[in-house]
Amino acid sequence: MGENMEIDNFKTFVRSIPSIREEVVKGRYTWQQLYEFYVLYGEDDKMWEPYRKNNVDLSGILDIVKNVDLDALSRSFDGIQKILDLMSGFVGKEASPQQQKQWYDD
């Protein structure tokens, strides 16, 4: 029964770091080798560090997204749009067709 629990823990560990699967797909390790390493050294061993660094922490990203004030963000974008509209109005007035003569207009 203890071995089944260890296998379940390994499966959970592998799911938490999907980039480990790529090592098996590439033929660098077998699942058996990775499992044995997991059992011998545990999930905190430095062997797993490169895989953790390649793993995107989605829970952290979700926490950031949850804390974003969408109304404030929308107001900011509206303000930026107004500034861009205002600036394009100035540029449009300065660059009227009469002032933009080209060599072929003569």
PDB file of N, CA and C in Angstrom:
ATOM      1  N   MET A   1       0.805  -1.191   0.000  1.00  0.00           N
ATOM      2  CA  MET A   1       0.000   0.000   0.000  1.00  0.00           C
ATOM      3  C   MET A   1       0.855   1.265   0.000  1.00  0.00           C
ATOM      4  N   GLY A   2       2.013   1.224   0.666  1.00  0.00           N
ATOM      5  CA  GLY A   2       2.910   2.366   0.712  1.00  0.00           C
ATOM      6  C   GLY A   2       3.467   2.719  -0.656  1.00  0.00           C
ATOM      7  N   GLU A   3       3.721   1.683  -1.484  1.00  0.00           N
ATOM      8  CA  GLU A   3       4.256   1.924  -2.825  1.00  0.00           C
ATOM      9  C   GLU A   3       3.223   2.611  -3.717  1.00  0.00           C
ATOM     10  N   ASN A   4       1.966   2.202  -3.606  1.00  0.00           N
ATOM     11  CA  ASN A   4       0.911   2.851  -4.397  1.00  0.00           C
ATOM     12  C   ASN A   4       0.779   4.315  -4.036  1.00  0.00           C
ATOM     13  N   MET A   5       0.914   4.609  -2.760  1.00  0.00           N
ATOM     14  CA  MET A   5       0.841   6.005  -2.326  1.00  0.00           C
ATOM     15  C   MET A   5       2.018   6.798  -2.894  1.00  0.00           C
ATOM     16  N   GLU A   6       3.179   6.172  -2.925  1.00  0.00           N
ATOM     17  CA  GLU A   6       4.371   6.822  -3.483  1.00  0.00           C
ATOM     18  C   GLU A   6       4.196   7.080  -4.976  1.00  0.00           C
ATOM     19  N   ILE A   7       3.601   6.137  -5.686  1.00  0.00           N
ATOM     20  CA  ILE A   7       3.335   6.303  -7.119  1.00  0.00           C
ATOM     21  C   ILE A   7       2.342   7.447  -7.330  1.00  0.00           C
ATOM     22  N   ASP A   8       1.301   7.487  -6.501  1.00  0.00           N
ATOM     23  CA  ASP A   8       0.320   8.570  -6.615  1.00  0.00           C
ATOM     24  C   ASP A   8       0.979   9.926  -6.351  1.00  0.00           C
ATOM     25  N   ASN A   9       1.854   9.983  -5.359  1.00  0.00           N
ATOM     26  CA  ASN A   9       2.579  11.229  -5.070  1.00  0.00           C
ATOM     27  C   ASN A   9       3.460  11.636  -6.253  1.00  0.00           C
ATOM     28  N   PHE A  10       4.100  10.655  -6.870  1.00  0.00           N
ATOM     29  CA  PHE A  10       4.939  10.923  -8.039  1.00  0.00           C
ATOM     30  C   PHE A  10       4.095  11.456  -9.195  1.00  0.00           C
ATOM     31  N   LYS A  11       2.950  10.846  -9.427  1.00  0.00           N
ATOM     32  CA  LYS A  11       2.072  11.308 -10.499  1.00  0.00           C
ATOM     33  C   LYS A  11       1.625  12.749 -10.251  1.00  0.00           C
ATOM     34  N   THR A  12       1.268  13.053  -9.022  1.00  0.00           N
ATOM     35  CA  THR A  12       0.868  14.418  -8.673  1.00  0.00           C
ATOM     36  C   THR A  12       2.030  15.378  -8.886  1.00  0.00           C
ATOM     37  N   PHE A  13       3.214  14.951  -8.494  1.00  0.00           N
ATOM     38  CA  PHE A  13       4.416  15.782  -8.666  1.00  0.00           C
ATOM     39  C   PHE A  13       4.674  16.059 -10.145  1.00  0.00           C
ATOM     40  N   VAL A  14       4.582  15.028 -10.964  1.00  0.00           N
ATOM     41  CA  VAL A  14       4.833  15.180 -12.405  1.00  0.00           C
ATOM     42  C   VAL A  14       3.792  16.108 -13.036  1.00  0.00           C
ATOM     43  N   ARG A  15       2.546  15.991 -12.597  1.00  0.00           N
ATOM     44  CA  ARG A  15       1.502  16.885 -13.123  1.00  0.00           C
ATOM     45  C   ARG A  15       1.764  18.335 -12.744  1.00  0.00           C
ATOM     46  N   SER A  16       2.403  18.547 -11.603  1.00  0.00           N
ATOM     47  CA  SER A  16       2.675  19.923 -11.171  1.00  0.00           C
ATOM     48  C   SER A  16       3.822  20.559 -11.954  1.00  0.00           C
ATOM     49  N   ILE A  17       4.639  19.731 -12.602  1.00  0.00           N
ATOM     50  CA  ILE A  17       5.763  20.238 -13.408  1.00  0.00           C
ATOM     51  C   ILE A  17       5.728  19.529 -14.763  1.00  0.00           C
ATOM     52  N   PRO A  18       4.877  19.993 -15.685  1.00  0.00           N
ATOM     53  CA  PRO A  18       4.686  19.298 -16.968  1.00  0.00           C
ATOM     54  C   PRO A  18       5.946  19.187 -17.819  1.00  0.00           C
ATOM     55  N   SER A  19       6.918  20.055 -17.614  1.00  0.00           N
ATOM     56  CA  SER A  19       8.114  20.004 -18.462  1.00  0.00           C
ATOM     57  C   SER A  19       8.940  18.739 -18.227  1.00  0.00           C
ATOM     58  N   ILE A  20       8.701  18.030 -17.133  1.00  0.00           N
ATOM     59  CA  ILE A  20       9.401  16.760 -16.881  1.00  0.00           C
ATOM     60  C   ILE A  20       9.007  15.740 -17.950  1.00  0.00           C
ATOM     61  N   ARG A  21       7.768  15.780 -18.379  1.00  0.00           N
ATOM     62  CA  ARG A  21       7.274  14.845 -19.398  1.00  0.00           C
ATOM     63  C   ARG A  21       8.114  14.929 -20.672  1.00  0.00           C
ATOM     64  N   GLU A  22       8.568  16.127 -21.003  1.00  0.00           N
ATOM     65  CA  GLU A  22       9.375  16.318 -22.208  1.00  0.00           C
ATOM     66  C   GLU A  22      10.661  15.499 -22.169  1.00  0.00           C
ATOM     67  N   GLU A  23      11.214  15.284 -20.988  1.00  0.00           N
ATOM     68  CA  GLU A  23      12.446  14.494 -20.860  1.00  0.00           C
ATOM     69  C   GLU A  23      12.197  13.046 -21.272  1.00  0.00           C
ATOM     70  N   VAL A  24      11.008  12.539 -20.974  1.00  0.00           N
ATOM     71  CA  VAL A  24      10.661  11.170 -21.369  1.00  0.00           C
ATOM     72  C   VAL A  24      10.396  11.130 -22.867  1.00  0.00           C
ATOM     73  N   VAL A  25       9.673  12.125 -23.358  1.00  0.00           N
ATOM     74  CA  VAL A  25       9.365  12.181 -24.789  1.00  0.00           C
ATOM     75  C   VAL A  25      10.650  12.264 -25.611  1.00  0.00           C
ATOM     76  N   LYS A  26      11.621  13.038 -25.144  1.00  0.00           N
ATOM     77  CA  LYS A  26      12.898  13.192 -25.857  1.00  0.00           C
ATOM     78  C   LYS A  26      13.800  11.977 -25.703  1.00  0.00           C
ATOM     79  N   GLY A  27      13.463  11.072 -24.785  1.00  0.00           N
ATOM     80  CA  GLY A  27      14.265   9.865 -24.594  1.00  0.00           C
ATOM     81  C   GLY A  27      15.428  10.049 -23.640  1.00  0.00           C
ATOM     82  N   ARG A  28      15.473  11.171 -22.949  1.00  0.00           N
ATOM     83  CA  ARG A  28      16.575  11.416 -22.012  1.00  0.00           C
ATOM     84  C   ARG A  28      16.440  10.536 -20.766  1.00  0.00           C
ATOM     85  N   TYR A  29      15.212  10.347 -20.300  1.00  0.00           N
ATOM     86  CA  TYR A  29      14.926   9.490 -19.149  1.00  0.00           C
ATOM     87  C   TYR A  29      13.716   8.617 -19.471  1.00  0.00           C
ATOM     88  N   THR A  30      13.579   7.544 -18.699  1.00  0.00           N
ATOM     89  CA  THR A  30      12.346   6.756 -18.737  1.00  0.00           C
ATOM     90  C   THR A  30      11.528   7.141 -17.507  1.00  0.00           C
ATOM     91  N   TRP A  31      10.238   6.806 -17.534  1.00  0.00           N
ATOM     92  CA  TRP A  31       9.403   7.075 -16.366  1.00  0.00           C
ATOM     93  C   TRP A  31       9.945   6.332 -15.153  1.00  0.00           C
ATOM     94  N   GLN A  32      10.456   5.119 -15.374  1.00  0.00           N
ATOM     95  CA  GLN A  32      11.014   4.322 -14.277  1.00  0.00           C
ATOM     96  C   GLN A  32      12.204   5.036 -13.642  1.00  0.00           C
ATOM     97  N   GLN A  33      13.110   5.576 -14.472  1.00  0.00           N
ATOM     98  CA  GLN A  33      14.269   6.285 -13.942  1.00  0.00           C
ATOM     99  C   GLN A  33      13.848   7.515 -13.127  1.00  0.00           C
ATOM    100  N   LEU A  34      12.906   8.275 -13.663  1.00  0.00           N
ATOM    101  CA  LEU A  34      12.447   9.468 -12.949  1.00  0.00           C
ATOM    102  C   LEU A  34      11.766   9.090 -11.635  1.00  0.00           C
ATOM    103  N   TYR A  35      10.978   8.011 -11.661  1.00  0.00           N
ATOM    104  CA  TYR A  35      10.305   7.558 -10.446  1.00  0.00           C
ATOM    105  C   TYR A  35      11.325   7.146  -9.388  1.00  0.00           C
ATOM    106  N   GLU A  36      12.332   6.381  -9.804  1.00  0.00           N
ATOM    107  CA  GLU A  36      13.360   5.935  -8.854  1.00  0.00           C
ATOM    108  C   GLU A  36      14.111   7.137  -8.268  1.00  0.00           C
ATOM    109  N   PHE A  37      14.418   8.089  -9.086  1.00  0.00           N
ATOM    110  CA  PHE A  37      15.100   9.290  -8.597  1.00  0.00           C
ATOM    111  C   PHE A  37      14.207  10.017  -7.597  1.00  0.00           C
ATOM    112  N   TYR A  38      12.928  10.092  -7.902  1.00  0.00           N
ATOM    113  CA  TYR A  38      11.960  10.744  -7.015  1.00  0.00           C
ATOM    114  C   TYR A  38      11.908  10.043  -5.657  1.00  0.00           C
ATOM    115  N   VAL A  39      11.861   8.705  -5.695  1.00  0.00           N
ATOM    116  CA  VAL A  39      11.782   7.931  -4.452  1.00  0.00           C
ATOM    117  C   VAL A  39      13.066   8.086  -3.642  1.00  0.00           C
ATOM    118  N   LEU A  40      14.219   8.041  -4.322  1.00  0.00           N
ATOM    119  CA  LEU A  40      15.500   8.114  -3.608  1.00  0.00           C
ATOM    120  C   LEU A  40      15.793   9.506  -3.042  1.00  0.00           C
ATOM    121  N   TYR A  41      15.533  10.553  -3.828  1.00  0.00           N
ATOM    122  CA  TYR A  41      15.970  11.880  -3.437  1.00  0.00           C
ATOM    123  C   TYR A  41      14.837  12.848  -3.084  1.00  0.00           C
ATOM    124  N   GLY A  42      13.613  12.510  -3.459  1.00  0.00           N
ATOM    125  CA  GLY A  42      12.481  13.356  -3.106  1.00  0.00           C
ATOM    126  C   GLY A  42      12.250  14.476  -4.108  1.00  0.00           C
ATOM    127  N   GLU A  43      11.156  15.184  -3.903  1.00  0.00           N
ATOM    128  CA  GLU A  43      10.764  16.223  -4.860  1.00  0.00           C
ATOM    129  C   GLU A  43      11.480  17.545  -4.630  1.00  0.00           C
ATOM    130  N   ASP A  44      12.223  17.662  -3.536  1.00  0.00           N
ATOM    131  CA  ASP A  44      12.940  18.910  -3.271  1.00  0.00           C
ATOM    132  C   ASP A  44      14.386  18.888  -3.758  1.00  0.00           C
ATOM    133  N   ASP A  45      14.798  17.789  -4.398  1.00  0.00           N
ATOM    134  CA  ASP A  45      16.166  17.679  -4.886  1.00  0.00           C
ATOM    135  C   ASP A  45      16.433  18.713  -5.979  1.00  0.00           C
ATOM    136  N   LYS A  46      17.697  19.154  -6.078  1.00  0.00           N
ATOM    137  CA  LYS A  46      18.053  20.193  -7.061  1.00  0.00           C
ATOM    138  C   LYS A  46      17.952  19.705  -8.502  1.00  0.00           C
ATOM    139  N   MET A  47      17.799  18.404  -8.714  1.00  0.00           N
ATOM    140  CA  MET A  47      17.625  17.879 -10.072  1.00  0.00           C
ATOM    141  C   MET A  47      16.370  18.451 -10.720  1.00  0.00           C
ATOM    142  N   TRP A  48      15.360  18.729  -9.915  1.00  0.00           N
ATOM    143  CA  TRP A  48      14.073  19.189 -10.432  1.00  0.00           C
ATOM    144  C   TRP A  48      14.036  20.700 -10.674  1.00  0.00           C
ATOM    145  N   GLU A  49      15.028  21.438 -10.175  1.00  0.00           N
ATOM    146  CA  GLU A  49      15.017  22.905 -10.272  1.00  0.00           C
ATOM    147  C   GLU A  49      14.871  23.440 -11.698  1.00  0.00           C
ATOM    148  N   PRO A  50      15.635  22.921 -12.675  1.00  0.00           N
ATOM    149  CA  PRO A  50      15.472  23.454 -14.041  1.00  0.00           C
ATOM    150  C   PRO A  50      14.057  23.286 -14.584  1.00  0.00           C
ATOM    151  N   TYR A  51      13.406  22.203 -14.197  1.00  0.00           N
ATOM    152  CA  TYR A  51      12.045  21.961 -14.667  1.00  0.00           C
ATOM    153  C   TYR A  51      11.063  22.918 -13.999  1.00  0.00           C
ATOM    154  N   ARG A  52      11.313  23.222 -12.756  1.00  0.00           N
ATOM    155  CA  ARG A  52      10.454  24.171 -12.046  1.00  0.00           C
ATOM    156  C   ARG A  52      10.597  25.567 -12.633  1.00  0.00           C
ATOM    157  N   LYS A  53      11.812  25.928 -13.027  1.00  0.00           N
ATOM    158  CA  LYS A  53      12.044  27.263 -13.601  1.00  0.00           C
ATOM    159  C   LYS A  53      11.338  27.418 -14.933  1.00  0.00           C
ATOM    160  N   ASN A  54      11.225  26.317 -15.690  1.00  0.00           N
ATOM    161  CA  ASN A  54      10.539  26.356 -16.981  1.00  0.00           C
ATOM    162  C   ASN A  54       9.032  26.302 -16.837  1.00  0.00           C
ATOM    163  N   ASN A  55       8.574  25.960 -15.651  1.00  0.00           N
ATOM    164  CA  ASN A  55       7.143  25.816 -15.408  1.00  0.00           C
ATOM    165  C   ASN A  55       6.537  27.170 -15.062  1.00  0.00           C
ATOM    166  N   VAL A  56       5.488  27.554 -15.760  1.00  0.00           N
ATOM    167  CA  VAL A  56       4.807  28.810 -15.486  1.00  0.00           C
ATOM    168  C   VAL A  56       3.886  28.597 -14.295  1.00  0.00           C
ATOM    169  N   ASP A  57       3.976  29.496 -13.339  1.00  0.00           N
ATOM    170  CA  ASP A  57       3.126  29.397 -12.160  1.00  0.00           C
ATOM    171  C   ASP A  57       1.790  30.053 -12.459  1.00  0.00           C
ATOM    172  N   LEU A  58       0.839  29.251 -12.938  1.00  0.00           N
ATOM    173  CA  LEU A  58      -0.470  29.781 -13.322  1.00  0.00           C
ATOM    174  C   LEU A  58      -1.250  30.298 -12.129  1.00  0.00           C
ATOM    175  N   SER A  59      -1.041  29.704 -10.979  1.00  0.00           N
ATOM    176  CA  SER A  59      -1.783  30.175  -9.809  1.00  0.00           C
ATOM    177  C   SER A  59      -1.369  31.598  -9.462  1.00  0.00           C
ATOM    178  N   GLY A  60      -0.093  31.922  -9.612  1.00  0.00           N
ATOM    179  CA  GLY A  60       0.374  33.285  -9.361  1.00  0.00           C
ATOM    180  C   GLY A  60      -0.217  34.269 -10.350  1.00  0.00           C
ATOM    181  N   ILE A  61      -0.296  33.855 -11.606  1.00  0.00           N
ATOM    182  CA  ILE A  61      -0.882  34.725 -12.634  1.00  0.00           C
ATOM    183  C   ILE A  61      -2.360  34.936 -12.364  1.00  0.00           C
ATOM    184  N   LEU A  62      -3.054  33.873 -11.955  1.00  0.00           N
ATOM    185  CA  LEU A  62      -4.478  33.996 -11.654  1.00  0.00           C
ATOM    186  C   LEU A  62      -4.722  34.919 -10.470  1.00  0.00           C
ATOM    187  N   ASP A  63      -3.834  34.869  -9.466  1.00  0.00           N
ATOM    188  CA  ASP A  63      -3.966  35.775  -8.326  1.00  0.00           C
ATOM    189  C   ASP A  63      -3.824  37.222  -8.763  1.00  0.00           C
ATOM    190  N   ILE A  64      -2.892  37.488  -9.663  1.00  0.00           N
ATOM    191  CA  ILE A  64      -2.688  38.850 -10.161  1.00  0.00           C
ATOM    192  C   ILE A  64      -3.928  39.313 -10.919  1.00  0.00           C
ATOM    193  N   VAL A  65      -4.441  38.458 -11.784  1.00  0.00           N
ATOM    194  CA  VAL A  65      -5.610  38.815 -12.589  1.00  0.00           C
ATOM    195  C   VAL A  65      -6.824  39.067 -11.701  1.00  0.00           C
ATOM    196  N   LYS A  66      -6.983  38.257 -10.651  1.00  0.00           N
ATOM    197  CA  LYS A  66      -8.122  38.432  -9.749  1.00  0.00           C
ATOM    198  C   LYS A  66      -8.085  39.784  -9.050  1.00  0.00           C
ATOM    199  N   ASN A  67      -6.885  40.283  -8.780  1.00  0.00           N
ATOM    200  CA  ASN A  67      -6.746  41.527  -8.033  1.00  0.00           C
ATOM    201  C   ASN A  67      -6.764  42.776  -8.911  1.00  0.00           C
ATOM    202  N   VAL A  68      -6.883  42.616 -10.213  1.00  0.00           N
ATOM    203  CA  VAL A  68      -6.917  43.761 -11.117  1.00  0.00           C
ATOM    204  C   VAL A  68      -8.298  44.413 -11.056  1.00  0.00           C
ATOM    205  N   ASP A  69      -8.306  45.721 -10.874  1.00  0.00           N
ATOM    206  CA  ASP A  69      -9.560  46.472 -10.876  1.00  0.00           C
ATOM    207  C   ASP A  69      -9.895  46.793 -12.333  1.00  0.00           C
ATOM    208  N   LEU A  70     -10.838  46.042 -12.890  1.00  0.00           N
ATOM    209  CA  LEU A  70     -11.154  46.185 -14.307  1.00  0.00           C
ATOM    210  C   LEU A  70     -11.738  47.556 -14.625  1.00  0.00           C
ATOM    211  N   ASP A  71     -12.480  48.142 -13.693  1.00  0.00           N
ATOM    212  CA  ASP A  71     -13.039  49.475 -13.929  1.00  0.00           C
ATOM    213  C   ASP A  71     -11.923  50.512 -14.035  1.00  0.00           C
ATOM    214  N   ALA A  72     -10.953  50.428 -13.135  1.00  0.00           N
ATOM    215  CA  ALA A  72      -9.832  51.366 -13.174  1.00  0.00           C
ATOM    216  C   ALA A  72      -9.023  51.170 -14.455  1.00  0.00           C
ATOM    217  N   LEU A  73      -8.836  49.926 -14.856  1.00  0.00           N
ATOM    218  CA  LEU A  73      -8.103  49.627 -16.082  1.00  0.00           C
ATOM    219  C   LEU A  73      -8.838  50.192 -17.288  1.00  0.00           C
ATOM    220  N   SER A  74     -10.145  50.045 -17.308  1.00  0.00           N
ATOM    221  CA  SER A  74     -10.956  50.570 -18.404  1.00  0.00           C
ATOM    222  C   SER A  74     -10.868  52.094 -18.460  1.00  0.00           C
ATOM    223  N   ARG A  75     -10.926  52.743 -17.297  1.00  0.00           N
ATOM    224  CA  ARG A  75     -10.806  54.212 -17.257  1.00  0.00           C
ATOM    225  C   ARG A  75      -9.441  54.651 -17.769  1.00  0.00           C
ATOM    226  N   SER A  76      -8.403  53.895 -17.429  1.00  0.00           N
ATOM    227  CA  SER A  76      -7.056  54.234 -17.902  1.00  0.00           C
ATOM    228  C   SER A  76      -6.972  54.141 -19.416  1.00  0.00           C
ATOM    229  N   PHE A  77      -7.539  53.068 -19.978  1.00  0.00           N
ATOM    230  CA  PHE A  77      -7.526  52.920 -21.432  1.00  0.00           C
ATOM    231  C   PHE A  77      -8.344  54.009 -22.112  1.00  0.00           C
ATOM    232  N   ASP A  78      -9.470  54.386 -21.493  1.00  0.00           N
ATOM    233  CA  ASP A  78     -10.282  55.476 -22.045  1.00  0.00           C
ATOM    234  C   ASP A  78      -9.475  56.771 -22.055  1.00  0.00           C
ATOM    235  N   GLY A  79      -8.737  57.036 -20.970  1.00  0.00           N
ATOM    236  CA  GLY A  79      -7.914  58.238 -20.895  1.00  0.00           C
ATOM    237  C   GLY A  79      -6.825  58.242 -21.946  1.00  0.00           C
ATOM    238  N   ILE A  80      -6.201  57.102 -22.135  1.00  0.00           N
ATOM    239  CA  ILE A  80      -5.144  56.992 -23.151  1.00  0.00           C
ATOM    240  C   ILE A  80      -5.735  57.212 -24.538  1.00  0.00           C
ATOM    241  N   GLN A  81      -6.911  56.640 -24.790  1.00  0.00           N
ATOM    242  CA  GLN A  81      -7.566  56.804 -26.091  1.00  0.00           C
ATOM    243  C   GLN A  81      -7.885  58.275 -26.354  1.00  0.00           C
ATOM    244  N   LYS A  82      -8.342  59.005 -25.331  1.00  0.00           N
ATOM    245  CA  LYS A  82      -8.647  60.425 -25.491  1.00  0.00           C
ATOM    246  C   LYS A  82      -7.388  61.221 -25.834  1.00  0.00           C
ATOM    247  N   ILE A  83      -6.284  60.888 -25.171  1.00  0.00           N
ATOM    248  CA  ILE A  83      -5.015  61.565 -25.457  1.00  0.00           C
ATOM    249  C   ILE A  83      -4.580  61.285 -26.888  1.00  0.00           C
ATOM    250  N   LEU A  84      -4.698  60.038 -27.320  1.00  0.00           N
ATOM    251  CA  LEU A  84      -4.303  59.688 -28.691  1.00  0.00           C
ATOM    252  C   LEU A  84      -5.191  60.394 -29.713  1.00  0.00           C
ATOM    253  N   ASP A  85      -6.494  60.473 -29.423  1.00  0.00           N
ATOM    254  CA  ASP A  85      -7.410  61.180 -30.321  1.00  0.00           C
ATOM    255  C   ASP A  85      -7.041  62.655 -30.411  1.00  0.00           C
ATOM    256  N   LEU A  86      -6.733  63.251 -29.259  1.00  0.00           N
ATOM    257  CA  LEU A  86      -6.358  64.663 -29.221  1.00  0.00           C
ATOM    258  C   LEU A  86      -5.079  64.905 -30.018  1.00  0.00           C
ATOM    259  N   MET A  87      -4.099  64.032 -29.828  1.00  0.00           N
ATOM    260  CA  MET A  87      -2.823  64.190 -30.538  1.00  0.00           C
ATOM    261  C   MET A  87      -3.007  63.979 -32.035  1.00  0.00           C
ATOM    262  N   SER A  88      -3.831  63.027 -32.421  1.00  0.00           N
ATOM    263  CA  SER A  88      -4.034  62.799 -33.849  1.00  0.00           C
ATOM    264  C   SER A  88      -4.740  64.006 -34.468  1.00  0.00           C
ATOM    265  N   GLY A  89      -5.571  64.692 -33.688  1.00  0.00           N
ATOM    266  CA  GLY A  89      -6.207  65.922 -34.167  1.00  0.00           C
ATOM    267  C   GLY A  89      -5.180  67.003 -34.443  1.00  0.00           C
ATOM    268  N   PHE A  90      -4.195  67.141 -33.557  1.00  0.00           N
ATOM    269  CA  PHE A  90      -3.133  68.140 -33.769  1.00  0.00           C
ATOM    270  C   PHE A  90      -2.279  67.780 -34.981  1.00  0.00           C
ATOM    271  N   VAL A  91      -1.920  66.521 -35.086  1.00  0.00           N
ATOM    272  CA  VAL A  91      -1.086  66.082 -36.203  1.00  0.00           C
ATOM    273  C   VAL A  91      -1.850  66.260 -37.507  1.00  0.00           C
ATOM    274  N   GLY A  92      -3.124  65.950 -37.487  1.00  0.00           N
ATOM    275  CA  GLY A  92      -3.944  66.085 -38.690  1.00  0.00           C
ATOM    276  C   GLY A  92      -4.031  67.532 -39.159  1.00  0.00           C
ATOM    277  N   LYS A  93      -4.107  68.492 -38.220  1.00  0.00           N
ATOM    278  CA  LYS A  93      -4.186  69.909 -38.590  1.00  0.00           C
ATOM    279  C   LYS A  93      -2.865  70.407 -39.135  1.00  0.00           C
ATOM    280  N   GLU A  94      -1.773  69.954 -38.539  1.00  0.00           N
ATOM    281  CA  GLU A  94      -0.453  70.414 -38.970  1.00  0.00           C
ATOM    282  C   GLU A  94      -0.076  69.845 -40.327  1.00  0.00           C
ATOM    283  N   ALA A  95      -0.559  68.688 -40.631  1.00  0.00           N
ATOM    284  CA  ALA A  95      -0.161  68.031 -41.876  1.00  0.00           C
ATOM    285  C   ALA A  95      -1.323  68.064 -42.870  1.00  0.00           C
ATOM    286  N   SER A  96      -1.833  69.233 -43.136  1.00  0.00           N
ATOM    287  CA  SER A  96      -2.924  69.339 -44.099  1.00  0.00           C
ATOM    288  C   SER A  96      -2.393  69.085 -45.501  1.00  0.00           C
ATOM    289  N   PRO A  97      -3.234  68.686 -46.430  1.00  0.00           N
ATOM    290  CA  PRO A  97      -2.784  68.337 -47.778  1.00  0.00           C
ATOM    291  C   PRO A  97      -2.078  69.492 -48.495  1.00  0.00           C
ATOM    292  N   GLN A  98      -2.450  70.735 -48.178  1.00  0.00           N
ATOM    293  CA  GLN A  98      -1.817  71.869 -48.850  1.00  0.00           C
ATOM    294  C   GLN A  98      -0.364  72.039 -48.413  1.00  0.00           C
ATOM    295  N   GLN A  99      -0.057  71.625 -47.189  1.00  0.00           N
ATOM    296  CA  GLN A  99       1.308  71.772 -46.689  1.00  0.00           C
ATOM    297  C   GLN A  99       2.186  70.585 -47.069  1.00  0.00           C
ATOM    298  N   GLN A 100       1.617  69.543 -47.569  1.00  0.00           N
ATOM    299  CA  GLN A 100       2.378  68.337 -47.887  1.00  0.00           C
ATOM    300  C   GLN A 100       2.599  68.200 -49.385  1.00  0.00           C
ATOM    301  N   LYS A 101       3.186  69.181 -49.990  1.00  0.00           N
ATOM    302  CA  LYS A 101       3.449  69.086 -51.431  1.00  0.00           C
ATOM    303  C   LYS A 101       4.584  68.104 -51.669  1.00  0.00           C
ATOM    304  N   GLN A 102       4.381  67.298 -52.644  1.00  0.00           N
ATOM    305  CA  GLN A 102       5.395  66.341 -53.050  1.00  0.00           C
ATOM    306  C   GLN A 102       6.021  66.805 -54.354  1.00  0.00           C
ATOM    307  N   TRP A 103       7.097  66.187 -54.761  1.00  0.00           N
ATOM    308  CA  TRP A 103       7.799  66.600 -55.978  1.00  0.00           C
ATOM    309  C   TRP A 103       6.901  66.501 -57.211  1.00  0.00           C
ATOM    310  N   TYR A 104       5.945  65.569 -57.189  1.00  0.00           N
ATOM    311  CA  TYR A 104       5.083  65.374 -58.358  1.00  0.00           C
ATOM    312  C   TYR A 104       3.880  66.326 -58.347  1.00  0.00           C
ATOM    313  N   ASP A 105       3.706  67.136 -57.291  1.00  0.00           N
ATOM    314  CA  ASP A 105       2.581  68.083 -57.220  1.00  0.00           C
ATOM    315  C   ASP A 105       2.861  69.375 -57.975  1.00  0.00           C
ATOM    316  N   ASP A 106       4.080  69.649 -58.333  1.00  0.00           N
ATOM    317  CA  ASP A 106       4.426  70.926 -58.963  1.00  0.00           C
ATOM    318  C   ASP A 106       4.007  71.031 -60.405  1.00  0.00           C
TER     319      ASP A 106
END
